[in-house]
N, C-alpha and C. Protein backbone atom coordinates (compact mmCIF):
# COMPACT_ATOMS: atom_id res chain seq x y z
N UNK A 1 251.30 7.88 -35.84
CA UNK A 1 250.07 7.48 -35.22
C UNK A 1 250.11 5.99 -34.99
N UNK A 2 249.39 5.66 -33.98
CA UNK A 2 249.39 4.24 -33.64
C UNK A 2 248.30 3.53 -34.39
N UNK A 3 248.46 2.24 -34.45
CA UNK A 3 247.46 1.41 -35.14
C UNK A 3 246.09 1.52 -34.48
N UNK A 4 246.11 1.69 -33.18
CA UNK A 4 244.84 1.79 -32.46
C UNK A 4 244.11 3.08 -32.85
N UNK A 5 244.80 4.18 -32.95
CA UNK A 5 244.19 5.45 -33.32
C UNK A 5 243.70 5.38 -34.76
N UNK A 6 244.55 4.79 -35.63
CA UNK A 6 244.13 4.63 -37.01
C UNK A 6 242.91 3.74 -37.13
N UNK A 7 242.85 2.71 -36.31
CA UNK A 7 241.70 1.81 -36.30
C UNK A 7 240.44 2.54 -35.85
N UNK A 8 240.57 3.38 -34.84
CA UNK A 8 239.42 4.16 -34.34
C UNK A 8 238.94 5.14 -35.44
N UNK A 9 239.92 5.80 -36.09
CA UNK A 9 239.57 6.74 -37.15
C UNK A 9 238.86 6.00 -38.28
N UNK A 10 239.40 4.82 -38.66
CA UNK A 10 238.77 4.02 -39.71
C UNK A 10 237.39 3.57 -39.29
N UNK A 11 237.22 3.17 -38.04
CA UNK A 11 235.92 2.72 -37.52
C UNK A 11 234.92 3.88 -37.58
N UNK A 12 235.35 5.07 -37.17
CA UNK A 12 234.45 6.22 -37.20
C UNK A 12 234.11 6.61 -38.64
N UNK A 13 235.10 6.52 -39.51
CA UNK A 13 234.83 6.82 -40.91
C UNK A 13 233.82 5.84 -41.51
N UNK A 14 233.94 4.58 -41.13
CA UNK A 14 232.99 3.57 -41.61
C UNK A 14 231.59 3.83 -41.06
N UNK A 15 231.53 4.23 -39.78
CA UNK A 15 230.23 4.56 -39.19
C UNK A 15 229.62 5.78 -39.90
N UNK A 16 230.48 6.79 -40.17
CA UNK A 16 230.00 7.96 -40.88
C UNK A 16 229.54 7.60 -42.28
N UNK A 17 230.26 6.68 -42.92
CA UNK A 17 229.88 6.22 -44.26
C UNK A 17 228.50 5.55 -44.22
N UNK A 18 228.26 4.73 -43.20
CA UNK A 18 226.95 4.08 -43.06
C UNK A 18 225.86 5.13 -42.83
N UNK A 19 226.18 6.11 -41.98
CA UNK A 19 225.20 7.15 -41.70
C UNK A 19 224.90 7.96 -42.97
N UNK A 20 225.96 8.26 -43.74
CA UNK A 20 225.73 8.98 -45.00
C UNK A 20 224.91 8.14 -45.97
N UNK A 21 225.16 6.82 -46.00
CA UNK A 21 224.35 5.94 -46.86
C UNK A 21 222.89 5.99 -46.41
N UNK A 22 222.69 5.96 -45.09
CA UNK A 22 221.33 6.02 -44.53
C UNK A 22 220.68 7.37 -44.90
N UNK A 23 221.45 8.46 -44.78
CA UNK A 23 220.93 9.79 -45.13
C UNK A 23 220.61 9.85 -46.62
N UNK A 24 221.50 9.27 -47.45
CA UNK A 24 221.25 9.24 -48.90
C UNK A 24 219.95 8.49 -49.21
N UNK A 25 219.75 7.36 -48.54
CA UNK A 25 218.51 6.58 -48.75
C UNK A 25 217.28 7.39 -48.38
N UNK A 26 217.37 8.07 -47.24
CA UNK A 26 216.24 8.89 -46.79
C UNK A 26 215.99 10.05 -47.75
N UNK A 27 217.07 10.66 -48.23
CA UNK A 27 216.91 11.76 -49.19
C UNK A 27 216.28 11.27 -50.49
N UNK A 28 216.65 10.06 -50.93
CA UNK A 28 216.02 9.51 -52.14
C UNK A 28 214.53 9.30 -51.93
N UNK A 29 214.16 8.82 -50.74
CA UNK A 29 212.73 8.64 -50.44
C UNK A 29 212.01 9.99 -50.45
N UNK A 30 212.66 10.99 -49.87
CA UNK A 30 212.06 12.33 -49.84
C UNK A 30 211.91 12.86 -51.26
N UNK A 31 212.93 12.67 -52.08
CA UNK A 31 212.85 13.12 -53.47
C UNK A 31 211.72 12.41 -54.22
N UNK A 32 211.57 11.09 -53.96
CA UNK A 32 210.47 10.34 -54.59
C UNK A 32 209.12 10.92 -54.17
N UNK A 33 208.99 11.20 -52.88
CA UNK A 33 207.73 11.76 -52.39
C UNK A 33 207.49 13.15 -52.99
N UNK A 34 208.55 13.95 -53.11
CA UNK A 34 208.41 15.27 -53.71
C UNK A 34 208.02 15.17 -55.18
N UNK A 35 208.60 14.18 -55.89
CA UNK A 35 208.22 13.98 -57.29
C UNK A 35 206.74 13.63 -57.39
N UNK A 36 206.29 12.74 -56.49
CA UNK A 36 204.86 12.38 -56.45
C UNK A 36 204.00 13.61 -56.19
N UNK A 37 204.44 14.42 -55.22
CA UNK A 37 203.68 15.62 -54.88
C UNK A 37 203.67 16.60 -56.05
N UNK A 38 204.81 16.72 -56.74
CA UNK A 38 204.85 17.59 -57.92
C UNK A 38 203.86 17.10 -58.98
N UNK A 39 203.81 15.79 -59.17
CA UNK A 39 202.86 15.23 -60.14
C UNK A 39 201.43 15.53 -59.74
N UNK A 40 201.15 15.38 -58.46
CA UNK A 40 199.79 15.65 -57.98
C UNK A 40 199.46 17.14 -58.12
N UNK A 41 200.42 18.01 -57.82
CA UNK A 41 200.19 19.45 -57.97
C UNK A 41 199.96 19.82 -59.43
N UNK A 42 200.72 19.18 -60.32
CA UNK A 42 200.50 19.43 -61.75
C UNK A 42 199.09 19.03 -62.16
N UNK A 43 198.64 17.87 -61.65
CA UNK A 43 197.28 17.41 -61.96
C UNK A 43 196.24 18.38 -61.40
N UNK A 44 196.46 18.86 -60.19
CA UNK A 44 195.52 19.82 -59.58
C UNK A 44 195.50 21.11 -60.37
N UNK A 45 196.68 21.59 -60.77
CA UNK A 45 196.73 22.81 -61.58
C UNK A 45 195.98 22.63 -62.89
N UNK A 46 196.15 21.48 -63.51
CA UNK A 46 195.46 21.21 -64.77
C UNK A 46 193.95 21.20 -64.58
N UNK A 47 193.53 20.58 -63.47
CA UNK A 47 192.09 20.49 -63.22
C UNK A 47 191.49 21.84 -62.84
N UNK A 48 192.26 22.69 -62.19
CA UNK A 48 191.71 23.96 -61.75
C UNK A 48 191.83 25.06 -62.80
N UNK A 49 192.47 24.77 -63.92
CA UNK A 49 192.56 25.77 -64.99
C UNK A 49 191.18 26.18 -65.49
N UNK A 50 190.24 25.25 -65.47
CA UNK A 50 188.91 25.53 -66.03
C UNK A 50 188.00 26.26 -65.05
N UNK A 51 188.41 26.42 -63.80
CA UNK A 51 187.55 27.07 -62.81
C UNK A 51 187.16 28.49 -63.24
N UNK A 52 188.09 29.33 -63.70
CA UNK A 52 187.66 30.67 -64.14
C UNK A 52 186.67 30.61 -65.30
N UNK A 53 186.86 29.66 -66.21
CA UNK A 53 185.91 29.52 -67.32
C UNK A 53 184.54 29.09 -66.81
N UNK A 54 184.54 28.19 -65.83
CA UNK A 54 183.26 27.75 -65.26
C UNK A 54 182.58 28.91 -64.52
N UNK A 55 183.38 29.69 -63.78
CA UNK A 55 182.81 30.84 -63.10
C UNK A 55 182.19 31.82 -64.10
N UNK A 56 182.90 32.06 -65.19
CA UNK A 56 182.37 32.97 -66.21
C UNK A 56 181.09 32.42 -66.80
N UNK A 57 181.06 31.12 -67.07
CA UNK A 57 179.85 30.50 -67.64
C UNK A 57 178.69 30.61 -66.66
N UNK A 58 178.95 30.41 -65.38
CA UNK A 58 177.88 30.52 -64.37
C UNK A 58 177.37 31.95 -64.32
N UNK A 59 178.28 32.91 -64.33
CA UNK A 59 177.85 34.32 -64.29
C UNK A 59 177.04 34.69 -65.53
N UNK A 60 177.47 34.22 -66.69
CA UNK A 60 176.72 34.50 -67.92
C UNK A 60 175.35 33.84 -67.87
N UNK A 61 175.30 32.62 -67.37
CA UNK A 61 174.02 31.91 -67.25
C UNK A 61 173.10 32.65 -66.29
N UNK A 62 173.65 33.14 -65.19
CA UNK A 62 172.87 33.90 -64.23
C UNK A 62 172.30 35.17 -64.86
N UNK A 63 173.13 35.84 -65.65
CA UNK A 63 172.69 37.06 -66.34
C UNK A 63 171.56 36.76 -67.32
N UNK A 64 171.73 35.69 -68.09
CA UNK A 64 170.68 35.30 -69.05
C UNK A 64 169.40 34.94 -68.30
N UNK A 65 169.53 34.22 -67.20
CA UNK A 65 168.36 33.83 -66.42
C UNK A 65 167.63 35.05 -65.90
N UNK A 66 168.38 36.05 -65.43
CA UNK A 66 167.74 37.27 -64.93
C UNK A 66 167.00 38.00 -66.05
N UNK A 67 167.62 38.03 -67.24
CA UNK A 67 166.94 38.68 -68.37
C UNK A 67 165.68 37.92 -68.75
N UNK A 68 165.76 36.58 -68.73
CA UNK A 68 164.58 35.77 -69.05
C UNK A 68 163.47 35.99 -68.03
N UNK A 69 163.85 36.09 -66.77
CA UNK A 69 162.84 36.34 -65.73
C UNK A 69 162.18 37.70 -65.95
N UNK A 70 162.98 38.69 -66.28
CA UNK A 70 162.42 40.03 -66.54
C UNK A 70 161.50 40.00 -67.75
N UNK A 71 161.90 39.28 -68.79
CA UNK A 71 161.07 39.16 -69.99
C UNK A 71 159.77 38.42 -69.67
N UNK A 72 159.89 37.39 -68.84
CA UNK A 72 158.70 36.62 -68.47
C UNK A 72 157.72 37.48 -67.69
N UNK A 73 158.25 38.29 -66.77
CA UNK A 73 157.38 39.17 -65.98
C UNK A 73 156.67 40.16 -66.91
N UNK A 74 157.40 40.74 -67.85
CA UNK A 74 156.79 41.68 -68.81
C UNK A 74 155.73 40.97 -69.64
N UNK A 75 156.06 39.76 -70.11
CA UNK A 75 155.10 38.99 -70.91
C UNK A 75 153.85 38.66 -70.10
N UNK A 76 154.03 38.27 -68.85
CA UNK A 76 152.88 37.94 -68.00
C UNK A 76 151.99 39.17 -67.80
N UNK A 77 152.61 40.33 -67.63
CA UNK A 77 151.82 41.56 -67.46
C UNK A 77 151.01 41.86 -68.72
N UNK A 78 151.66 41.69 -69.89
CA UNK A 78 150.95 41.93 -71.15
C UNK A 78 149.78 40.97 -71.31
N UNK A 79 150.04 39.69 -71.04
CA UNK A 79 148.98 38.68 -71.19
C UNK A 79 147.84 38.97 -70.22
N UNK A 80 148.20 39.32 -68.99
CA UNK A 80 147.17 39.64 -67.99
C UNK A 80 146.34 40.84 -68.44
N UNK A 81 147.00 41.85 -68.96
CA UNK A 81 146.28 43.05 -69.43
C UNK A 81 145.35 42.68 -70.59
N UNK A 82 145.85 41.87 -71.53
CA UNK A 82 145.00 41.45 -72.65
C UNK A 82 143.83 40.60 -72.18
N UNK A 83 144.09 39.70 -71.24
CA UNK A 83 142.99 38.89 -70.70
C UNK A 83 141.94 39.76 -70.02
N UNK A 84 142.41 40.75 -69.28
CA UNK A 84 141.46 41.65 -68.63
C UNK A 84 140.65 42.41 -69.67
N UNK A 85 141.30 42.86 -70.73
CA UNK A 85 140.61 43.56 -71.81
C UNK A 85 139.58 42.65 -72.47
N UNK A 86 139.99 41.41 -72.76
CA UNK A 86 139.07 40.45 -73.38
C UNK A 86 137.91 40.13 -72.44
N UNK A 87 138.22 39.99 -71.15
CA UNK A 87 137.16 39.70 -70.18
C UNK A 87 136.16 40.86 -70.14
N UNK A 88 136.66 42.07 -70.19
CA UNK A 88 135.78 43.24 -70.19
C UNK A 88 134.91 43.23 -71.45
N UNK A 89 135.52 42.92 -72.60
CA UNK A 89 134.76 42.86 -73.86
C UNK A 89 133.70 41.77 -73.79
N UNK A 90 134.06 40.63 -73.23
CA UNK A 90 133.09 39.53 -73.10
C UNK A 90 131.94 39.95 -72.20
N UNK A 91 132.24 40.65 -71.11
CA UNK A 91 131.18 41.12 -70.21
C UNK A 91 130.23 42.08 -70.95
N UNK A 92 130.79 42.98 -71.75
CA UNK A 92 129.96 43.91 -72.52
C UNK A 92 129.09 43.14 -73.50
N UNK A 93 129.67 42.18 -74.21
CA UNK A 93 128.90 41.37 -75.16
C UNK A 93 127.79 40.58 -74.45
N UNK A 94 128.10 40.04 -73.28
CA UNK A 94 127.07 39.31 -72.52
C UNK A 94 125.91 40.23 -72.14
N UNK A 95 126.22 41.45 -71.72
CA UNK A 95 125.16 42.38 -71.37
C UNK A 95 124.31 42.74 -72.59
N UNK A 96 124.96 42.95 -73.74
CA UNK A 96 124.23 43.26 -74.98
C UNK A 96 123.34 42.09 -75.36
N UNK A 97 123.91 40.88 -75.24
CA UNK A 97 123.12 39.69 -75.60
C UNK A 97 121.89 39.58 -74.70
N UNK A 98 122.09 39.82 -73.41
CA UNK A 98 120.94 39.77 -72.49
C UNK A 98 119.90 40.83 -72.85
N UNK A 99 120.34 42.04 -73.20
CA UNK A 99 119.41 43.09 -73.61
C UNK A 99 118.66 42.71 -74.87
N UNK A 100 119.44 42.12 -75.85
CA UNK A 100 118.80 41.72 -77.09
C UNK A 100 117.76 40.62 -76.84
N UNK A 101 118.11 39.67 -75.97
CA UNK A 101 117.16 38.61 -75.65
C UNK A 101 115.92 39.18 -74.98
N UNK A 102 116.16 40.14 -74.10
CA UNK A 102 115.02 40.78 -73.43
C UNK A 102 114.18 41.56 -74.45
N UNK A 103 114.83 42.25 -75.38
CA UNK A 103 114.11 42.98 -76.41
C UNK A 103 113.31 42.02 -77.30
N UNK A 104 113.92 40.88 -77.66
CA UNK A 104 113.25 39.88 -78.50
C UNK A 104 112.02 39.34 -77.76
N UNK A 105 112.17 39.05 -76.48
CA UNK A 105 111.04 38.55 -75.69
C UNK A 105 109.93 39.60 -75.63
N UNK A 106 110.37 40.84 -75.49
CA UNK A 106 109.36 41.91 -75.43
C UNK A 106 108.64 42.03 -76.76
N UNK A 107 109.36 41.89 -77.88
CA UNK A 107 108.74 41.97 -79.20
C UNK A 107 107.80 40.79 -79.42
N UNK A 108 108.20 39.64 -78.89
CA UNK A 108 107.33 38.46 -79.06
C UNK A 108 106.00 38.66 -78.33
N UNK A 109 106.02 39.34 -77.23
CA UNK A 109 104.80 39.53 -76.45
C UNK A 109 103.87 40.56 -77.10
N UNK A 110 104.40 41.40 -77.91
CA UNK A 110 103.56 42.44 -78.54
C UNK A 110 102.72 41.92 -79.64
């Protein structure tokens, strides 16, 4: 082989070496970015681990709230019924008192 051909081969090999160095640099940057992304994904996974627990807590809270609402409605009905009963008793007592007052007035006139 001639020196010129060897020189061309050496020149191309040097250019390929530079290109490989450039590719290596780019691959290192990509690996760094992937490491960063892996770290971020790990953080996201850690943060989202509690989501099922939070969902369960919300569902349990909703269930308790529904039971409390049902209990409150039952309690309100009982209280309303008792108030109505007491109001009826008070009305009866008021009528008796009015009759007694009328009877007393009638006795006073006699």
